[in-house]
PDB file of all heavy atoms in Angstrom:
ATOM      1  N   GLY A   1      -6.286 -86.037-162.214  1.00  0.00           N
ATOM      2  CA  GLY A   1      -6.439 -87.313-162.914  1.00  0.00           C
ATOM      3  C   GLY A   1      -5.322 -88.294-162.492  1.00  0.00           C
ATOM      4  O   GLY A   1      -5.209 -88.614-161.325  1.00  0.00           O
ATOM      5  N   ASP A   2      -4.515 -88.706-163.480  1.00  0.00           N
ATOM      6  CA  ASP A   2      -3.422 -89.627-163.171  1.00  0.00           C
ATOM      7  C   ASP A   2      -2.071 -88.927-162.993  1.00  0.00           C
ATOM      8  O   ASP A   2      -1.034 -89.554-162.994  1.00  0.00           O
ATOM      9  CB  ASP A   2      -3.316 -90.696-164.285  1.00  0.00           C
ATOM     10  CG  ASP A   2      -3.050 -90.068-165.668  1.00  0.00           C
ATOM     11  OD1 ASP A   2      -3.051 -88.830-165.778  1.00  0.00           O
ATOM     12  OD2 ASP A   2      -2.825 -90.840-166.610  1.00  0.00           O
ATOM     13  N   ARG A   3      -2.096 -87.591-162.834  1.00  0.00           N
ATOM     14  CA  ARG A   3      -0.868 -86.828-162.655  1.00  0.00           C
ATOM     15  C   ARG A   3      -0.817 -86.153-161.281  1.00  0.00           C
ATOM     16  O   ARG A   3      -1.864 -85.789-160.743  1.00  0.00           O
ATOM     17  CB  ARG A   3      -0.737 -85.696-163.699  1.00  0.00           C
ATOM     18  CG  ARG A   3      -0.500 -86.165-165.114  1.00  0.00           C
ATOM     19  CD  ARG A   3      -0.266 -84.938-166.026  1.00  0.00           C
ATOM     20  NE  ARG A   3      -1.317 -83.955-165.880  1.00  0.00           N
ATOM     21  CZ  ARG A   3      -1.082 -82.666-165.604  1.00  0.00           C
ATOM     22  NH1 ARG A   3       0.146 -82.211-165.463  1.00  0.00           N
ATOM     23  NH2 ARG A   3      -2.103 -81.780-165.498  1.00  0.00           N
ATOM     24  N   LYS A   4       0.360 -86.013-160.750  1.00  0.00           N
ATOM     25  CA  LYS A   4       0.585 -85.241-159.534  1.00  0.00           C
ATOM     26  C   LYS A   4       1.581 -84.160-159.809  1.00  0.00           C
ATOM     27  O   LYS A   4       2.604 -84.369-160.473  1.00  0.00           O
ATOM     28  CB  LYS A   4       1.076 -86.142-158.423  1.00  0.00           C
ATOM     29  CG  LYS A   4       0.025 -86.871-157.614  1.00  0.00           C
ATOM     30  CD  LYS A   4       0.640 -87.633-156.446  1.00  0.00           C
ATOM     31  CE  LYS A   4      -0.351 -88.138-155.445  1.00  0.00           C
ATOM     32  NZ  LYS A   4      -1.483 -88.879-156.049  1.00  0.00           N
ATOM     33  N   ILE A   5       1.322 -82.960-159.276  1.00  0.00           N
ATOM     34  CA  ILE A   5       2.251 -81.864-159.301  1.00  0.00           C
ATOM     35  C   ILE A   5       2.550 -81.467-157.869  1.00  0.00           C
ATOM     36  O   ILE A   5       1.619 -81.301-157.060  1.00  0.00           O
ATOM     37  CB  ILE A   5       1.648 -80.648-160.050  1.00  0.00           C
ATOM     38  CG1 ILE A   5       1.446 -80.956-161.519  1.00  0.00           C
ATOM     39  CG2 ILE A   5       2.544 -79.389-159.882  1.00  0.00           C
ATOM     40  CD1 ILE A   5       0.732 -79.868-162.304  1.00  0.00           C
ATOM     41  N   HIS A   6       3.850 -81.355-157.507  1.00  0.00           N
ATOM     42  CA  HIS A   6       4.206 -81.088-156.125  1.00  0.00           C
ATOM     43  C   HIS A   6       4.754 -79.665-156.027  1.00  0.00           C
ATOM     44  O   HIS A   6       5.590 -79.242-156.805  1.00  0.00           O
ATOM     45  CB  HIS A   6       5.285 -82.061-155.678  1.00  0.00           C
ATOM     46  CG  HIS A   6       4.929 -83.501-155.901  1.00  0.00           C
ATOM     47  ND1 HIS A   6       3.928 -84.136-155.176  1.00  0.00           N
ATOM     48  CD2 HIS A   6       5.421 -84.424-156.790  1.00  0.00           C
ATOM     49  CE1 HIS A   6       3.841 -85.366-155.595  1.00  0.00           C
ATOM     50  NE2 HIS A   6       4.726 -85.585-156.579  1.00  0.00           N
ATOM     51  N   VAL A   7       4.298 -78.925-155.023  1.00  0.00           N
ATOM     52  CA  VAL A   7       4.759 -77.545-154.777  1.00  0.00           C
ATOM     53  C   VAL A   7       5.408 -77.500-153.403  1.00  0.00           C
ATOM     54  O   VAL A   7       4.846 -77.968-152.400  1.00  0.00           O
ATOM     55  CB  VAL A   7       3.606 -76.521-154.819  1.00  0.00           C
ATOM     56  CG1 VAL A   7       4.117 -75.125-154.479  1.00  0.00           C
ATOM     57  CG2 VAL A   7       2.960 -76.534-156.200  1.00  0.00           C
ATOM     58  N   LEU A   8       6.632 -76.948-153.332  1.00  0.00           N
ATOM     59  CA  LEU A   8       7.371 -76.845-152.074  1.00  0.00           C
ATOM     60  C   LEU A   8       7.105 -75.531-151.396  1.00  0.00           C
ATOM     61  O   LEU A   8       6.988 -74.478-152.041  1.00  0.00           O
ATOM     62  CB  LEU A   8       8.875 -77.006-152.327  1.00  0.00           C
ATOM     63  CG  LEU A   8       9.311 -78.236-153.149  1.00  0.00           C
ATOM     64  CD1 LEU A   8      10.868 -78.274-153.162  1.00  0.00           C
ATOM     65  CD2 LEU A   8       8.755 -79.525-152.579  1.00  0.00           C
ATOM     66  N   ALA A   9       6.972 -75.557-150.090  1.00  0.00           N
ATOM     67  CA  ALA A   9       6.872 -74.386-149.219  1.00  0.00           C
ATOM     68  C   ALA A   9       5.751 -73.443-149.607  1.00  0.00           C
ATOM     69  O   ALA A   9       5.847 -72.215-149.439  1.00  0.00           O
ATOM     70  CB  ALA A   9       8.201 -73.621-149.251  1.00  0.00           C
ATOM     71  N   GLU A  10       4.650 -73.990-150.103  1.00  0.00           N
ATOM     72  CA  GLU A  10       3.449 -73.191-150.472  1.00  0.00           C
ATOM     73  C   GLU A  10       3.769 -72.161-151.550  1.00  0.00           C
ATOM     74  O   GLU A  10       3.101 -71.131-151.688  1.00  0.00           O
ATOM     75  CB  GLU A  10       2.863 -72.495-149.244  1.00  0.00           C
ATOM     76  CG  GLU A  10       2.442 -73.463-148.156  1.00  0.00           C
ATOM     77  CD  GLU A  10       1.951 -72.732-146.905  1.00  0.00           C
ATOM     78  OE1 GLU A  10       1.744 -71.497-146.944  1.00  0.00           O
ATOM     79  OE2 GLU A  10       1.724 -73.400-145.873  1.00  0.00           O
ATOM     80  N   GLY A  11       4.866 -72.386-152.293  1.00  0.00           N
ATOM     81  CA  GLY A  11       5.278 -71.395-153.269  1.00  0.00           C
ATOM     82  C   GLY A  11       6.044 -70.229-152.700  1.00  0.00           C
ATOM     83  O   GLY A  11       6.348 -69.275-153.424  1.00  0.00           O
ATOM     84  N   ARG A  12       6.358 -70.310-151.414  1.00  0.00           N
ATOM     85  CA  ARG A  12       7.153 -69.246-150.764  1.00  0.00           C
ATOM     86  C   ARG A  12       8.631 -69.518-150.977  1.00  0.00           C
ATOM     87  O   ARG A  12       9.019 -70.497-151.556  1.00  0.00           O
ATOM     88  CB  ARG A  12       6.792 -69.148-149.288  1.00  0.00           C
ATOM     89  CG  ARG A  12       5.315 -68.806-149.028  1.00  0.00           C
ATOM     90  CD  ARG A  12       5.042 -68.579-147.575  1.00  0.00           C
ATOM     91  NE  ARG A  12       3.602 -68.379-147.327  1.00  0.00           N
ATOM     92  CZ  ARG A  12       3.018 -67.193-147.444  1.00  0.00           C
ATOM     93  NH1 ARG A  12       3.699 -66.133-147.806  1.00  0.00           N
ATOM     94  NH2 ARG A  12       1.699 -67.076-147.214  1.00  0.00           N
ATOM     95  N   LEU A  13       9.428 -68.607-150.420  1.00  0.00           N
ATOM     96  CA  LEU A  13      10.890 -68.668-150.605  1.00  0.00           C
ATOM     97  C   LEU A  13      11.429 -70.021-150.108  1.00  0.00           C
ATOM     98  O   LEU A  13      11.530 -70.264-148.931  1.00  0.00           O
ATOM     99  CB  LEU A  13      11.492 -67.524-149.823  1.00  0.00           C
ATOM    100  CG  LEU A  13      12.939 -67.120-150.083  1.00  0.00           C
ATOM    101  CD1 LEU A  13      13.127 -66.685-151.522  1.00  0.00           C
ATOM    102  CD2 LEU A  13      13.342 -66.008-149.118  1.00  0.00           C
ATOM    103  N   VAL A  14      11.823 -70.862-151.057  1.00  0.00           N
ATOM    104  CA  VAL A  14      12.070 -72.275-150.730  1.00  0.00           C
ATOM    105  C   VAL A  14      13.239 -72.485-149.782  1.00  0.00           C
ATOM    106  O   VAL A  14      13.214 -73.383-148.930  1.00  0.00           O
ATOM    107  CB  VAL A  14      12.238 -73.114-152.013  1.00  0.00           C
ATOM    108  CG1 VAL A  14      13.553 -72.797-152.709  1.00  0.00           C
ATOM    109  CG2 VAL A  14      12.162 -74.606-151.703  1.00  0.00           C
ATOM    110  N   ASN A  15      14.254 -71.648-149.874  1.00  0.00           N
ATOM    111  CA  ASN A  15      15.469 -71.885-149.067  1.00  0.00           C
ATOM    112  C   ASN A  15      15.206 -71.592-147.572  1.00  0.00           C
ATOM    113  O   ASN A  15      16.013 -72.007-146.750  1.00  0.00           O
ATOM    114  CB  ASN A  15      16.633 -71.103-149.582  1.00  0.00           C
ATOM    115  CG  ASN A  15      16.461 -69.594-149.510  1.00  0.00           C
ATOM    116  OD1 ASN A  15      15.334 -69.097-149.386  1.00  0.00           O
ATOM    117  ND2 ASN A  15      17.539 -68.865-149.554  1.00  0.00           N
ATOM    118  N   LEU A  16      14.128 -70.887-147.267  1.00  0.00           N
ATOM    119  CA  LEU A  16      13.841 -70.567-145.882  1.00  0.00           C
ATOM    120  C   LEU A  16      12.498 -71.121-145.394  1.00  0.00           C
ATOM    121  O   LEU A  16      12.341 -71.358-144.190  1.00  0.00           O
ATOM    122  CB  LEU A  16      13.838 -69.031-145.683  1.00  0.00           C
ATOM    123  CG  LEU A  16      15.213 -68.379-145.534  1.00  0.00           C
ATOM    124  CD1 LEU A  16      15.135 -66.914-145.882  1.00  0.00           C
ATOM    125  CD2 LEU A  16      15.713 -68.562-144.130  1.00  0.00           C
ATOM    126  N   ALA A  17      11.560 -71.297-146.281  1.00  0.00           N
ATOM    127  CA  ALA A  17      10.199 -71.612-145.857  1.00  0.00           C
ATOM    128  C   ALA A  17       9.906 -73.100-145.674  1.00  0.00           C
ATOM    129  O   ALA A  17       8.927 -73.450-144.997  1.00  0.00           O
ATOM    130  CB  ALA A  17       9.193 -71.028-146.876  1.00  0.00           C
ATOM    131  N   VAL A  18      10.712 -73.987-146.250  1.00  0.00           N
ATOM    132  CA  VAL A  18      10.523 -75.406-145.999  1.00  0.00           C
ATOM    133  C   VAL A  18      11.020 -75.712-144.572  1.00  0.00           C
ATOM    134  O   VAL A  18      11.865 -75.002-144.022  1.00  0.00           O
ATOM    135  CB  VAL A  18      11.257 -76.304-146.983  1.00  0.00           C
ATOM    136  CG1 VAL A  18      10.646 -76.184-148.388  1.00  0.00           C
ATOM    137  CG2 VAL A  18      12.741 -76.030-147.009  1.00  0.00           C
ATOM    138  N   PRO A  19      10.475 -76.745-143.913  1.00  0.00           N
ATOM    139  CA  PRO A  19      10.879 -77.050-142.516  1.00  0.00           C
ATOM    140  C   PRO A  19      12.401 -77.174-142.326  1.00  0.00           C
ATOM    141  O   PRO A  19      12.928 -76.809-141.295  1.00  0.00           O
ATOM    142  CB  PRO A  19      10.166 -78.343-142.233  1.00  0.00           C
ATOM    143  CG  PRO A  19       8.924 -78.304-143.062  1.00  0.00           C
ATOM    144  CD  PRO A  19       9.366 -77.647-144.364  1.00  0.00           C
ATOM    145  N   LYS A  20      13.122 -77.672-143.351  1.00  0.00           N
ATOM    146  CA  LYS A  20      14.547 -77.873-143.199  1.00  0.00           C
ATOM    147  C   LYS A  20      15.355 -76.745-143.870  1.00  0.00           C
ATOM    148  O   LYS A  20      16.567 -76.830-144.014  1.00  0.00           O
ATOM    149  CB  LYS A  20      14.954 -79.212-143.793  1.00  0.00           C
ATOM    150  CG  LYS A  20      14.370 -80.399-143.052  1.00  0.00           C
ATOM    151  CD  LYS A  20      14.803 -81.727-143.660  1.00  0.00           C
ATOM    152  CE  LYS A  20      14.210 -82.897-142.892  1.00  0.00           C
ATOM    153  NZ  LYS A  20      14.601 -84.205-143.475  1.00  0.00           N
ATOM    154  N   GLY A  21      14.677 -75.665-144.224  1.00  0.00           N
ATOM    155  CA  GLY A  21      15.356 -74.545-144.910  1.00  0.00           C
ATOM    156  C   GLY A  21      16.217 -73.775-143.929  1.00  0.00           C
ATOM    157  O   GLY A  21      15.730 -73.304-142.887  1.00  0.00           O
ATOM    158  N   MET A  22      17.453 -73.541-144.267  1.00  0.00           N
ATOM    159  CA  MET A  22      18.396 -72.828-143.397  1.00  0.00           C
ATOM    160  C   MET A  22      18.756 -71.451-143.957  1.00  0.00           C
ATOM    161  O   MET A  22      19.523 -70.722-143.359  1.00  0.00           O
ATOM    162  CB  MET A  22      19.679 -73.646-143.207  1.00  0.00           C
ATOM    163  CG  MET A  22      19.463 -74.962-142.469  1.00  0.00           C
ATOM    164  SD  MET A  22      18.850 -74.726-140.802  1.00  0.00           S
ATOM    165  CE  MET A  22      20.277 -73.994-140.033  1.00  0.00           C
ATOM    166  N   GLY A  23      18.224 -71.108-145.140  1.00  0.00           N
ATOM    167  CA  GLY A  23      18.592 -69.831-145.755  1.00  0.00           C
ATOM    168  C   GLY A  23      19.980 -69.878-146.362  1.00  0.00           C
ATOM    169  O   GLY A  23      20.609 -70.914-146.458  1.00  0.00           O
ATOM    170  N   HIS A  24      20.432 -68.711-146.709  1.00  0.00           N
ATOM    171  CA  HIS A  24      21.765 -68.579-147.364  1.00  0.00           C
ATOM    172  C   HIS A  24      22.868 -69.052-146.413  1.00  0.00           C
ATOM    173  O   HIS A  24      22.763 -68.939-145.178  1.00  0.00           O
ATOM    174  CB  HIS A  24      22.053 -67.150-147.740  1.00  0.00           C
ATOM    175  CG  HIS A  24      21.285 -66.657-148.894  1.00  0.00           C
ATOM    176  ND1 HIS A  24      20.383 -67.448-149.607  1.00  0.00           N
ATOM    177  CD2 HIS A  24      21.247 -65.430-149.528  1.00  0.00           C
ATOM    178  CE1 HIS A  24      19.857 -66.752-150.566  1.00  0.00           C
ATOM    179  NE2 HIS A  24      20.356 -65.514-150.538  1.00  0.00           N
ATOM    180  N   PRO A  25      23.957 -69.602-146.965  1.00  0.00           N
ATOM    181  CA  PRO A  25      25.087 -70.011-146.147  1.00  0.00           C
ATOM    182  C   PRO A  25      25.599 -68.866-145.293  1.00  0.00           C
ATOM    183  O   PRO A  25      25.537 -67.694-145.678  1.00  0.00           O
ATOM    184  CB  PRO A  25      26.139 -70.437-147.190  1.00  0.00           C
ATOM    185  CG  PRO A  25      25.358 -70.847-148.377  1.00  0.00           C
ATOM    186  CD  PRO A  25      24.169 -69.951-148.395  1.00  0.00           C
ATOM    187  N   ILE A  26      26.157 -69.191-144.132  1.00  0.00           N
ATOM    188  CA  ILE A  26      26.554 -68.163-143.153  1.00  0.00           C
ATOM    189  C   ILE A  26      27.555 -67.207-143.749  1.00  0.00           C
ATOM    190  O   ILE A  26      27.428 -65.972-143.549  1.00  0.00           O
ATOM    191  CB  ILE A  26      27.169 -68.898-141.896  1.00  0.00           C
ATOM    192  CG1 ILE A  26      26.130 -69.797-141.222  1.00  0.00           C
ATOM    193  CG2 ILE A  26      27.723 -67.875-140.926  1.00  0.00           C
ATOM    194  CD1 ILE A  26      26.719 -70.735-140.192  1.00  0.00           C
ATOM    195  N   GLU A  27      28.576 -67.703-144.438  1.00  0.00           N
ATOM    196  CA  GLU A  27      29.646 -66.812-144.930  1.00  0.00           C
ATOM    197  C   GLU A  27      29.085 -65.792-145.919  1.00  0.00           C
ATOM    198  O   GLU A  27      29.607 -64.671-145.985  1.00  0.00           O
ATOM    199  CB  GLU A  27      30.757 -67.633-145.587  1.00  0.00           C
ATOM    200  CG  GLU A  27      31.506 -68.570-144.637  1.00  0.00           C
ATOM    201  CD  GLU A  27      30.918 -69.988-144.587  1.00  0.00           C
ATOM    202  OE1 GLU A  27      29.722 -70.129-144.959  1.00  0.00           O
ATOM    203  OE2 GLU A  27      31.652 -70.907-144.197  1.00  0.00           O
ATOM    204  N   VAL A  28      28.071 -66.184-146.678  1.00  0.00           N
ATOM    205  CA  VAL A  28      27.466 -65.257-147.610  1.00  0.00           C
ATOM    206  C   VAL A  28      26.736 -64.150-146.873  1.00  0.00           C
ATOM    207  O   VAL A  28      26.863 -62.964-147.184  1.00  0.00           O
ATOM    208  CB  VAL A  28      26.522 -66.019-148.546  1.00  0.00           C
ATOM    209  CG1 VAL A  28      25.574 -65.057-149.247  1.00  0.00           C
ATOM    210  CG2 VAL A  28      27.306 -66.799-149.592  1.00  0.00           C
ATOM    211  N   MET A  29      25.979 -64.517-145.879  1.00  0.00           N
ATOM    212  CA  MET A  29      25.207 -63.526-145.121  1.00  0.00           C
ATOM    213  C   MET A  29      26.105 -62.662-144.258  1.00  0.00           C
ATOM    214  O   MET A  29      25.716 -61.530-143.893  1.00  0.00           O
ATOM    215  CB  MET A  29      24.133 -64.191-144.263  1.00  0.00           C
ATOM    216  CG  MET A  29      23.028 -64.867-145.067  1.00  0.00           C
ATOM    217  SD  MET A  29      22.365 -63.832-146.424  1.00  0.00           S
ATOM    218  CE  MET A  29      21.728 -62.437-145.490  1.00  0.00           C
TER     219      MET A  29
END
């Protein structure tokens, strides 16, 4: 109707699955 709902990365792991996702910071990994 008059509402929009936005889902990122198809509902997958957002920190890695979006085009600009880099995953966890290097020092952590």
